[in-house]
């Protein structure tokens, strides 16, 4: 079993990056929090990360990516995750323009963090606005379905400890050399 799953690692790295850059936003991982309406926010922003796409699809199985290592990769799961990125401009509740700006700004911050954490190992499946066209909105929300490459590990192969050494006698004709390798 893997110690670190790619999706959880990505979530943790994005949360840490938001904290380091002082981006004000609550982030939640899991199905329960993401089932709440994306526009149930107060101030600042809110991002939920739910494994799978909106239909519950886990992703796509493909061949190993970057084979080698211990344990070796038996395959790769392009694992889906649905992110709801919600923001609210409390000073301008009635302005669609300001709600758009708040949501887009948070989306841009989210994308910067995801890109830095998973460059080359993630992709975006779809991006769409949520609840557009309603008479009164409490902010704005964007739904993003991403995938991240997750290794499917095989069994770990036993290896010699790092400090293992060897003494090798090499004889050619009547000359013997002793080679000592220290760990």
N, C-alpha and C. Protein backbone atom coordinates (compact mmCIF):
# COMPACT_ATOMS: atom_id res chain seq x y z
N UNK A 1 0.85 -1.19 0.00
CA UNK A 1 0.00 0.00 0.00
C UNK A 1 0.88 1.25 0.00
N UNK A 2 0.50 2.20 -0.78
CA UNK A 2 1.31 3.43 -0.90
C UNK A 2 1.22 4.25 0.38
N UNK A 3 2.35 4.83 0.77
CA UNK A 3 2.36 5.71 1.94
C UNK A 3 1.71 7.05 1.62
N UNK A 4 1.89 7.50 0.39
CA UNK A 4 1.35 8.79 -0.03
C UNK A 4 0.60 8.59 -1.33
N UNK A 5 -0.66 8.95 -1.32
CA UNK A 5 -1.45 8.90 -2.54
C UNK A 5 -1.31 10.23 -3.27
N UNK A 6 -1.24 10.17 -4.60
CA UNK A 6 -0.98 11.37 -5.40
C UNK A 6 -2.01 12.46 -5.16
N UNK A 7 -3.29 12.10 -5.08
CA UNK A 7 -4.33 13.11 -4.90
C UNK A 7 -4.24 13.77 -3.53
N UNK A 8 -4.04 12.97 -2.49
CA UNK A 8 -3.89 13.55 -1.14
C UNK A 8 -2.63 14.40 -1.06
N UNK A 9 -1.57 13.96 -1.70
CA UNK A 9 -0.33 14.74 -1.71
C UNK A 9 -0.55 16.08 -2.40
N UNK A 10 -1.25 16.08 -3.54
CA UNK A 10 -1.54 17.33 -4.24
C UNK A 10 -2.36 18.26 -3.37
N UNK A 11 -3.40 17.73 -2.74
CA UNK A 11 -4.23 18.54 -1.84
C UNK A 11 -3.37 19.18 -0.74
N UNK A 12 -2.55 18.37 -0.07
CA UNK A 12 -1.71 18.87 1.02
C UNK A 12 -0.74 19.95 0.53
N UNK A 13 -0.15 19.75 -0.64
CA UNK A 13 0.78 20.74 -1.18
C UNK A 13 0.08 22.05 -1.53
N UNK A 14 -1.13 21.98 -2.08
CA UNK A 14 -1.87 23.19 -2.42
C UNK A 14 -2.27 23.94 -1.14
N UNK A 15 -2.75 23.22 -0.13
CA UNK A 15 -3.11 23.87 1.14
C UNK A 15 -1.88 24.55 1.75
N UNK A 16 -0.75 23.86 1.74
CA UNK A 16 0.48 24.43 2.28
C UNK A 16 0.92 25.67 1.50
N UNK A 17 0.78 25.62 0.17
CA UNK A 17 1.16 26.76 -0.64
C UNK A 17 0.25 27.95 -0.38
N UNK A 18 -1.06 27.71 -0.25
CA UNK A 18 -1.99 28.80 0.08
C UNK A 18 -1.60 29.43 1.42
N UNK A 19 -1.25 28.61 2.39
CA UNK A 19 -0.85 29.11 3.70
C UNK A 19 0.43 29.94 3.58
N UNK A 20 1.42 29.42 2.86
CA UNK A 20 2.70 30.13 2.69
C UNK A 20 2.53 31.46 1.97
N UNK A 21 1.60 31.52 1.03
CA UNK A 21 1.39 32.76 0.27
C UNK A 21 0.29 33.63 0.87
N UNK A 22 -0.24 33.22 2.02
CA UNK A 22 -1.28 33.97 2.74
C UNK A 22 -2.53 34.20 1.90
N UNK A 23 -2.92 33.20 1.11
CA UNK A 23 -4.17 33.27 0.36
C UNK A 23 -5.29 32.83 1.29
N UNK A 24 -6.25 33.72 1.54
CA UNK A 24 -7.33 33.43 2.48
C UNK A 24 -8.37 32.56 1.79
N UNK A 25 -8.48 31.30 2.26
CA UNK A 25 -9.40 30.35 1.66
C UNK A 25 -9.49 29.12 2.54
N UNK A 26 -10.70 28.64 2.76
CA UNK A 26 -10.89 27.37 3.47
C UNK A 26 -10.87 26.26 2.43
N UNK A 27 -10.14 25.17 2.72
CA UNK A 27 -10.10 24.04 1.81
C UNK A 27 -10.49 22.78 2.55
N UNK A 28 -11.28 21.93 1.87
CA UNK A 28 -11.78 20.70 2.46
C UNK A 28 -11.60 19.56 1.47
N UNK A 29 -11.26 18.39 2.01
CA UNK A 29 -11.11 17.21 1.18
C UNK A 29 -12.18 16.19 1.55
N UNK A 30 -12.83 15.63 0.56
CA UNK A 30 -13.77 14.55 0.80
C UNK A 30 -15.13 14.81 0.19
N UNK A 31 -15.96 13.77 0.21
CA UNK A 31 -17.26 13.82 -0.43
C UNK A 31 -18.28 14.61 0.40
N UNK A 32 -18.21 14.49 1.71
CA UNK A 32 -19.22 15.11 2.57
C UNK A 32 -19.25 16.63 2.42
N UNK A 33 -18.11 17.27 2.54
CA UNK A 33 -18.05 18.73 2.45
C UNK A 33 -18.39 19.21 1.04
N UNK A 34 -17.99 18.44 0.03
CA UNK A 34 -18.23 18.88 -1.35
C UNK A 34 -19.69 18.74 -1.75
N UNK A 35 -20.49 17.99 -0.98
CA UNK A 35 -21.92 17.87 -1.30
C UNK A 35 -22.70 19.13 -0.91
N UNK A 36 -22.10 19.94 -0.06
CA UNK A 36 -22.75 21.20 0.30
C UNK A 36 -22.76 22.09 -0.94
N UNK A 37 -23.75 22.93 -1.04
CA UNK A 37 -23.84 23.81 -2.21
C UNK A 37 -22.58 24.68 -2.29
N UNK A 38 -21.98 24.78 -3.46
CA UNK A 38 -20.72 25.54 -3.59
C UNK A 38 -20.85 27.02 -3.25
N UNK A 39 -22.06 27.54 -3.24
CA UNK A 39 -22.21 28.97 -2.94
C UNK A 39 -22.62 29.22 -1.49
N UNK A 40 -22.42 28.23 -0.60
CA UNK A 40 -22.66 28.45 0.82
C UNK A 40 -21.36 28.90 1.47
N UNK A 41 -20.98 30.13 1.15
CA UNK A 41 -19.74 30.69 1.68
C UNK A 41 -20.05 32.04 2.30
N UNK A 42 -19.18 32.46 3.17
CA UNK A 42 -19.33 33.78 3.78
C UNK A 42 -18.29 34.71 3.17
N UNK A 43 -17.21 34.92 3.86
CA UNK A 43 -16.17 35.81 3.33
C UNK A 43 -14.99 34.97 2.85
N UNK A 44 -14.15 35.57 2.04
CA UNK A 44 -12.99 34.84 1.53
C UNK A 44 -13.41 33.82 0.50
N UNK A 45 -12.73 32.72 0.47
CA UNK A 45 -13.04 31.70 -0.51
C UNK A 45 -13.17 30.33 0.12
N UNK A 46 -13.63 29.40 -0.69
CA UNK A 46 -13.83 28.02 -0.22
C UNK A 46 -13.55 27.10 -1.39
N UNK A 47 -12.71 26.09 -1.16
CA UNK A 47 -12.41 25.10 -2.19
C UNK A 47 -12.65 23.73 -1.59
N UNK A 48 -13.44 22.92 -2.31
CA UNK A 48 -13.65 21.54 -1.89
C UNK A 48 -13.03 20.62 -2.93
N UNK A 49 -12.47 19.54 -2.47
CA UNK A 49 -11.82 18.53 -3.32
C UNK A 49 -12.54 17.21 -3.08
N UNK A 50 -13.26 16.70 -4.07
CA UNK A 50 -13.96 15.42 -3.94
C UNK A 50 -13.36 14.42 -4.93
N UNK A 51 -12.90 13.28 -4.44
CA UNK A 51 -12.37 12.26 -5.36
C UNK A 51 -13.42 11.87 -6.40
N UNK A 52 -12.97 11.67 -7.63
CA UNK A 52 -13.85 11.27 -8.72
C UNK A 52 -14.41 12.46 -9.48
N UNK A 53 -15.05 12.17 -10.61
CA UNK A 53 -15.71 13.23 -11.36
C UNK A 53 -17.15 13.35 -10.86
N UNK A 54 -17.95 14.29 -11.37
CA UNK A 54 -19.32 14.46 -10.86
C UNK A 54 -20.20 13.22 -11.01
N UNK A 55 -19.85 12.32 -11.95
CA UNK A 55 -20.62 11.08 -12.13
C UNK A 55 -20.09 9.94 -11.28
N UNK A 56 -19.01 10.17 -10.52
CA UNK A 56 -18.44 9.14 -9.67
C UNK A 56 -17.34 8.32 -10.31
N UNK A 57 -16.92 8.67 -11.52
CA UNK A 57 -15.86 7.94 -12.20
C UNK A 57 -14.53 8.21 -11.50
N UNK A 58 -13.79 7.15 -11.19
CA UNK A 58 -12.51 7.31 -10.47
C UNK A 58 -11.40 7.79 -11.39
N UNK A 59 -11.43 7.42 -12.67
CA UNK A 59 -10.39 7.86 -13.58
C UNK A 59 -10.12 6.83 -14.65
N UNK A 60 -8.91 6.86 -15.18
CA UNK A 60 -8.53 5.98 -16.29
C UNK A 60 -7.26 5.24 -15.93
N UNK A 61 -7.26 3.92 -16.16
CA UNK A 61 -6.06 3.11 -15.94
C UNK A 61 -5.23 3.10 -17.21
N UNK A 62 -3.94 3.44 -17.07
CA UNK A 62 -3.02 3.41 -18.20
C UNK A 62 -1.77 2.66 -17.77
N UNK A 63 -0.85 2.48 -18.68
CA UNK A 63 0.40 1.79 -18.38
C UNK A 63 1.27 2.56 -17.40
N UNK A 64 2.33 1.94 -16.92
CA UNK A 64 3.22 2.62 -15.98
C UNK A 64 3.82 3.89 -16.58
N UNK A 65 3.92 4.90 -15.75
CA UNK A 65 4.57 6.14 -16.14
C UNK A 65 5.84 6.24 -15.30
N UNK A 66 6.97 6.40 -15.95
CA UNK A 66 8.24 6.46 -15.22
C UNK A 66 8.55 5.16 -14.51
N UNK A 67 8.60 4.03 -15.25
CA UNK A 67 8.85 2.74 -14.59
C UNK A 67 10.22 2.71 -13.94
N UNK A 68 10.39 1.75 -13.06
CA UNK A 68 11.62 1.62 -12.28
C UNK A 68 11.28 1.91 -10.84
N UNK A 69 12.24 1.95 -10.01
CA UNK A 69 12.01 2.22 -8.61
C UNK A 69 11.64 0.97 -7.84
N UNK A 70 11.49 1.14 -6.56
CA UNK A 70 11.16 0.02 -5.68
C UNK A 70 10.16 0.49 -4.65
N UNK A 71 8.92 0.11 -4.72
CA UNK A 71 8.36 -0.89 -5.62
C UNK A 71 8.20 -0.34 -7.03
N UNK A 72 8.20 -1.25 -7.99
CA UNK A 72 8.03 -0.80 -9.38
C UNK A 72 6.56 -0.50 -9.65
N UNK A 73 6.32 0.35 -10.62
CA UNK A 73 4.95 0.72 -10.99
C UNK A 73 4.35 -0.36 -11.87
N UNK A 74 3.16 -0.84 -11.50
CA UNK A 74 2.44 -1.82 -12.32
C UNK A 74 1.51 -1.13 -13.31
N UNK A 75 1.22 0.12 -13.05
CA UNK A 75 0.32 0.89 -13.90
C UNK A 75 0.13 2.27 -13.29
N UNK A 76 -0.66 3.08 -13.96
CA UNK A 76 -0.93 4.44 -13.50
C UNK A 76 -2.43 4.68 -13.55
N UNK A 77 -2.95 5.26 -12.49
CA UNK A 77 -4.34 5.69 -12.46
C UNK A 77 -4.36 7.19 -12.68
N UNK A 78 -4.99 7.62 -13.78
CA UNK A 78 -5.20 9.06 -13.97
C UNK A 78 -6.45 9.37 -13.15
N UNK A 79 -6.22 9.67 -11.87
CA UNK A 79 -7.30 9.78 -10.89
C UNK A 79 -8.01 11.13 -10.97
N UNK A 80 -9.33 11.07 -11.11
CA UNK A 80 -10.15 12.28 -11.19
C UNK A 80 -10.40 12.88 -9.81
N UNK A 81 -10.58 14.18 -9.79
CA UNK A 81 -10.98 14.91 -8.60
C UNK A 81 -11.82 16.10 -9.06
N UNK A 82 -12.93 16.33 -8.36
CA UNK A 82 -13.78 17.48 -8.68
C UNK A 82 -13.56 18.56 -7.63
N UNK A 83 -13.13 19.72 -8.08
CA UNK A 83 -12.89 20.85 -7.19
C UNK A 83 -13.95 21.91 -7.42
N UNK A 84 -14.56 22.37 -6.33
CA UNK A 84 -15.47 23.52 -6.40
C UNK A 84 -14.74 24.70 -5.80
N UNK A 85 -14.52 25.71 -6.61
CA UNK A 85 -13.80 26.91 -6.20
C UNK A 85 -14.81 28.03 -6.09
N UNK A 86 -15.10 28.44 -4.86
CA UNK A 86 -16.17 29.42 -4.60
C UNK A 86 -15.59 30.65 -3.92
N UNK A 87 -16.08 31.81 -4.34
CA UNK A 87 -15.62 33.06 -3.74
C UNK A 87 -16.77 34.04 -3.68
N UNK A 88 -16.63 34.98 -2.76
CA UNK A 88 -17.68 35.97 -2.53
C UNK A 88 -17.03 37.32 -2.27
N UNK A 89 -17.47 38.33 -3.00
CA UNK A 89 -17.07 39.70 -2.73
C UNK A 89 -18.16 40.29 -1.85
N UNK A 90 -17.90 40.35 -0.53
CA UNK A 90 -18.93 40.79 0.43
C UNK A 90 -19.28 42.26 0.30
N UNK A 91 -18.40 43.05 -0.26
CA UNK A 91 -18.67 44.48 -0.39
C UNK A 91 -19.59 44.79 -1.58
N UNK A 92 -19.74 43.83 -2.48
CA UNK A 92 -20.51 44.08 -3.69
C UNK A 92 -21.42 42.89 -4.02
N UNK A 93 -22.31 42.54 -3.07
CA UNK A 93 -23.19 41.39 -3.25
C UNK A 93 -23.99 41.42 -4.54
N UNK A 94 -24.40 42.57 -4.98
CA UNK A 94 -25.30 42.68 -6.14
C UNK A 94 -24.57 42.78 -7.47
N UNK A 95 -23.26 42.78 -7.45
CA UNK A 95 -22.50 42.97 -8.68
C UNK A 95 -21.98 41.63 -9.22
N UNK A 96 -22.52 41.22 -10.36
CA UNK A 96 -22.01 40.01 -11.01
C UNK A 96 -20.54 40.18 -11.38
N UNK A 97 -20.19 41.37 -11.78
CA UNK A 97 -18.80 41.65 -12.16
C UNK A 97 -17.85 41.36 -11.01
N UNK A 98 -18.19 41.84 -9.81
CA UNK A 98 -17.32 41.63 -8.65
C UNK A 98 -17.30 40.17 -8.20
N UNK A 99 -18.43 39.47 -8.33
CA UNK A 99 -18.45 38.05 -7.97
C UNK A 99 -17.61 37.24 -8.96
N UNK A 100 -17.69 37.61 -10.23
CA UNK A 100 -16.87 36.97 -11.25
C UNK A 100 -15.38 37.17 -10.94
N UNK A 101 -15.01 38.39 -10.62
CA UNK A 101 -13.61 38.70 -10.31
C UNK A 101 -13.13 37.91 -9.10
N UNK A 102 -13.96 37.83 -8.07
CA UNK A 102 -13.57 37.09 -6.86
C UNK A 102 -13.34 35.61 -7.17
N UNK A 103 -14.25 35.01 -7.92
CA UNK A 103 -14.11 33.58 -8.24
C UNK A 103 -12.94 33.33 -9.17
N UNK A 104 -12.78 34.16 -10.19
CA UNK A 104 -11.66 33.99 -11.12
C UNK A 104 -10.32 34.19 -10.43
N UNK A 105 -10.24 35.15 -9.52
CA UNK A 105 -8.98 35.38 -8.80
C UNK A 105 -8.62 34.16 -7.95
N UNK A 106 -9.62 33.57 -7.29
CA UNK A 106 -9.34 32.38 -6.48
C UNK A 106 -8.98 31.19 -7.37
N UNK A 107 -9.66 31.06 -8.50
CA UNK A 107 -9.32 30.00 -9.46
C UNK A 107 -7.87 30.15 -9.91
N UNK A 108 -7.45 31.38 -10.22
CA UNK A 108 -6.07 31.62 -10.67
C UNK A 108 -5.06 31.24 -9.59
N UNK A 109 -5.36 31.56 -8.34
CA UNK A 109 -4.47 31.19 -7.22
C UNK A 109 -4.40 29.68 -7.08
N UNK A 110 -5.55 29.02 -7.19
CA UNK A 110 -5.61 27.55 -7.10
C UNK A 110 -4.77 26.93 -8.21
N UNK A 111 -4.94 27.44 -9.44
CA UNK A 111 -4.21 26.88 -10.57
C UNK A 111 -2.70 27.05 -10.39
N UNK A 112 -2.26 28.21 -9.91
CA UNK A 112 -0.82 28.42 -9.65
C UNK A 112 -0.28 27.34 -8.72
N UNK A 113 -1.01 27.09 -7.64
CA UNK A 113 -0.55 26.11 -6.65
C UNK A 113 -0.55 24.69 -7.22
N UNK A 114 -1.60 24.32 -7.94
CA UNK A 114 -1.67 22.98 -8.54
C UNK A 114 -0.55 22.80 -9.55
N UNK A 115 -0.33 23.80 -10.38
CA UNK A 115 0.71 23.73 -11.39
C UNK A 115 2.09 23.54 -10.75
N UNK A 116 2.37 24.33 -9.72
CA UNK A 116 3.68 24.22 -9.05
C UNK A 116 3.86 22.86 -8.39
N UNK A 117 2.79 22.30 -7.85
CA UNK A 117 2.89 21.03 -7.13
C UNK A 117 2.92 19.82 -8.05
N UNK A 118 2.25 19.90 -9.21
CA UNK A 118 2.08 18.69 -10.02
C UNK A 118 2.38 18.89 -11.50
N UNK A 119 3.18 19.87 -11.82
CA UNK A 119 3.52 20.17 -13.22
C UNK A 119 3.93 18.88 -13.94
N UNK A 120 3.26 18.60 -15.05
CA UNK A 120 3.58 17.43 -15.86
C UNK A 120 2.89 16.15 -15.44
N UNK A 121 2.21 16.16 -14.29
CA UNK A 121 1.54 14.94 -13.81
C UNK A 121 0.06 15.16 -13.53
N UNK A 122 -0.50 16.25 -14.04
CA UNK A 122 -1.93 16.50 -13.87
C UNK A 122 -2.48 17.08 -15.16
N UNK A 123 -3.79 17.07 -15.26
CA UNK A 123 -4.45 17.68 -16.40
C UNK A 123 -5.84 18.11 -15.98
N UNK A 124 -6.44 18.97 -16.78
CA UNK A 124 -7.80 19.44 -16.50
C UNK A 124 -8.73 18.80 -17.51
N UNK A 125 -9.74 18.12 -16.99
CA UNK A 125 -10.73 17.44 -17.82
C UNK A 125 -11.85 18.40 -18.24
N UNK A 126 -12.31 19.24 -17.30
CA UNK A 126 -13.37 20.21 -17.62
C UNK A 126 -13.37 21.34 -16.61
N UNK A 127 -13.87 22.50 -17.05
CA UNK A 127 -14.02 23.67 -16.20
C UNK A 127 -15.36 24.30 -16.55
N UNK A 128 -16.18 24.60 -15.54
CA UNK A 128 -17.45 25.24 -15.83
C UNK A 128 -17.92 26.10 -14.66
N UNK A 129 -18.70 27.13 -15.00
CA UNK A 129 -19.32 27.97 -13.99
C UNK A 129 -20.50 27.21 -13.38
N UNK A 130 -20.73 27.40 -12.09
CA UNK A 130 -21.89 26.80 -11.43
C UNK A 130 -22.89 27.88 -11.09
N UNK A 131 -24.15 27.55 -11.17
CA UNK A 131 -25.26 28.41 -10.75
C UNK A 131 -25.31 29.73 -11.49
N UNK A 132 -24.81 29.78 -12.72
CA UNK A 132 -24.92 31.02 -13.49
C UNK A 132 -26.36 31.18 -13.95
N UNK A 133 -26.80 32.39 -14.06
CA UNK A 133 -28.15 32.65 -14.52
C UNK A 133 -29.18 32.78 -13.40
N UNK A 134 -28.78 32.52 -12.15
CA UNK A 134 -29.71 32.70 -11.04
C UNK A 134 -29.94 34.19 -10.81
N UNK A 135 -31.11 34.51 -10.27
CA UNK A 135 -31.46 35.91 -10.02
C UNK A 135 -30.51 36.54 -9.00
N UNK A 136 -30.27 35.84 -7.89
CA UNK A 136 -29.39 36.39 -6.85
C UNK A 136 -28.39 35.32 -6.44
N UNK A 137 -27.15 35.65 -6.53
CA UNK A 137 -26.10 34.72 -6.16
C UNK A 137 -25.42 35.19 -4.89
N UNK A 138 -24.93 34.25 -4.12
CA UNK A 138 -24.11 34.55 -2.95
C UNK A 138 -22.67 34.21 -3.35
N UNK A 139 -22.12 35.03 -4.23
CA UNK A 139 -20.78 34.76 -4.74
C UNK A 139 -20.85 34.07 -6.08
N UNK A 140 -19.75 33.45 -6.47
CA UNK A 140 -19.67 32.72 -7.73
C UNK A 140 -18.82 31.47 -7.51
N UNK A 141 -19.07 30.44 -8.32
CA UNK A 141 -18.35 29.18 -8.15
C UNK A 141 -17.97 28.60 -9.50
N UNK A 142 -16.80 27.97 -9.51
CA UNK A 142 -16.28 27.30 -10.69
C UNK A 142 -16.05 25.84 -10.31
N UNK A 143 -16.49 24.94 -11.17
CA UNK A 143 -16.24 23.51 -10.97
C UNK A 143 -15.14 23.08 -11.92
N UNK A 144 -14.10 22.47 -11.37
CA UNK A 144 -12.98 21.99 -12.17
C UNK A 144 -12.82 20.50 -11.92
N UNK A 145 -12.79 19.73 -12.98
CA UNK A 145 -12.49 18.30 -12.86
C UNK A 145 -11.07 18.11 -13.37
N UNK A 146 -10.21 17.66 -12.46
CA UNK A 146 -8.81 17.43 -12.81
C UNK A 146 -8.49 15.95 -12.72
N UNK A 147 -7.35 15.57 -13.25
CA UNK A 147 -6.80 14.24 -13.00
C UNK A 147 -5.35 14.41 -12.61
N UNK A 148 -4.90 13.47 -11.79
CA UNK A 148 -3.51 13.46 -11.35
C UNK A 148 -3.00 12.03 -11.50
N UNK A 149 -1.77 11.89 -11.97
CA UNK A 149 -1.20 10.56 -12.15
C UNK A 149 -0.86 9.94 -10.81
N UNK A 150 -1.41 8.74 -10.57
CA UNK A 150 -1.17 8.02 -9.33
C UNK A 150 -0.58 6.65 -9.66
N UNK A 151 0.58 6.35 -9.10
CA UNK A 151 1.24 5.08 -9.34
C UNK A 151 0.46 3.95 -8.66
N UNK A 152 0.36 2.82 -9.38
CA UNK A 152 -0.19 1.60 -8.79
C UNK A 152 1.02 0.71 -8.49
N UNK A 153 1.45 0.66 -7.21
CA UNK A 153 2.71 0.00 -6.88
C UNK A 153 2.60 -1.53 -6.83
N UNK A 154 3.70 -2.18 -7.22
CA UNK A 154 3.82 -3.62 -7.07
C UNK A 154 4.39 -3.94 -5.71
N UNK A 155 4.85 -5.17 -5.54
CA UNK A 155 5.48 -5.57 -4.29
C UNK A 155 6.88 -4.98 -4.19
N UNK A 156 7.27 -4.62 -2.99
CA UNK A 156 8.61 -4.08 -2.78
C UNK A 156 9.62 -5.22 -2.81
N UNK A 157 10.73 -5.01 -3.50
CA UNK A 157 11.79 -6.01 -3.61
C UNK A 157 12.80 -5.79 -2.50
N UNK A 158 13.15 -6.87 -1.81
CA UNK A 158 14.15 -6.76 -0.74
C UNK A 158 15.51 -6.42 -1.36
N UNK A 159 16.19 -5.48 -0.75
CA UNK A 159 17.50 -5.06 -1.23
C UNK A 159 18.49 -5.08 -0.08
N UNK A 160 19.76 -5.05 -0.40
CA UNK A 160 20.80 -5.02 0.63
C UNK A 160 20.79 -3.66 1.32
N UNK A 161 21.13 -3.64 2.59
CA UNK A 161 21.22 -2.35 3.29
C UNK A 161 22.25 -1.43 2.64
N UNK A 162 22.10 -0.16 2.84
CA UNK A 162 22.98 0.84 2.24
C UNK A 162 24.43 0.65 2.67
N UNK A 163 24.66 0.20 3.88
CA UNK A 163 26.03 0.08 4.38
C UNK A 163 26.68 -1.27 4.07
N UNK A 164 26.15 -2.03 3.13
CA UNK A 164 26.71 -3.33 2.76
C UNK A 164 28.00 -3.13 1.98
N UNK A 165 29.00 -3.94 2.29
CA UNK A 165 30.29 -3.87 1.60
C UNK A 165 30.64 -5.22 1.01
N UNK A 166 31.80 -5.29 0.38
CA UNK A 166 32.25 -6.54 -0.22
C UNK A 166 33.77 -6.57 -0.29
N UNK A 167 34.31 -7.80 -0.24
CA UNK A 167 35.73 -8.02 -0.48
C UNK A 167 35.82 -8.98 -1.66
N UNK A 168 36.49 -8.55 -2.73
CA UNK A 168 36.53 -9.33 -3.96
C UNK A 168 37.99 -9.64 -4.30
N UNK A 169 38.29 -10.95 -4.46
CA UNK A 169 39.61 -11.38 -4.91
C UNK A 169 39.55 -11.60 -6.42
N UNK A 170 40.45 -10.93 -7.15
CA UNK A 170 40.52 -11.08 -8.60
C UNK A 170 41.89 -11.63 -8.95
N UNK A 171 41.90 -12.77 -9.64
CA UNK A 171 43.18 -13.40 -9.99
C UNK A 171 43.30 -13.48 -11.50
N UNK A 172 44.43 -12.95 -12.01
CA UNK A 172 44.76 -13.06 -13.42
C UNK A 172 46.17 -13.65 -13.49
N UNK A 173 46.27 -14.81 -14.13
CA UNK A 173 47.50 -15.60 -14.17
C UNK A 173 47.93 -15.89 -12.74
N UNK A 174 49.08 -15.36 -12.32
CA UNK A 174 49.52 -15.64 -10.95
C UNK A 174 49.45 -14.42 -10.04
N UNK A 175 48.70 -13.37 -10.46
CA UNK A 175 48.58 -12.15 -9.66
C UNK A 175 47.16 -12.05 -9.11
N UNK A 176 47.07 -11.88 -7.80
CA UNK A 176 45.76 -11.73 -7.16
C UNK A 176 45.64 -10.33 -6.58
N UNK A 177 44.56 -9.65 -6.95
CA UNK A 177 44.25 -8.35 -6.38
C UNK A 177 43.04 -8.49 -5.46
N UNK A 178 43.10 -7.79 -4.35
CA UNK A 178 41.97 -7.80 -3.42
C UNK A 178 41.32 -6.41 -3.48
N UNK A 179 40.05 -6.41 -3.82
CA UNK A 179 39.29 -5.17 -3.91
C UNK A 179 38.32 -5.14 -2.75
N UNK A 180 38.38 -4.06 -1.99
CA UNK A 180 37.48 -3.91 -0.85
C UNK A 180 36.52 -2.75 -1.15
N UNK A 181 35.24 -3.04 -1.04
CA UNK A 181 34.20 -2.03 -1.25
C UNK A 181 33.50 -1.83 0.08
N UNK A 182 33.52 -0.59 0.55
CA UNK A 182 32.86 -0.30 1.82
C UNK A 182 31.52 0.38 1.56
N UNK A 183 30.56 0.12 2.46
CA UNK A 183 29.22 0.68 2.28
C UNK A 183 29.05 2.00 2.94
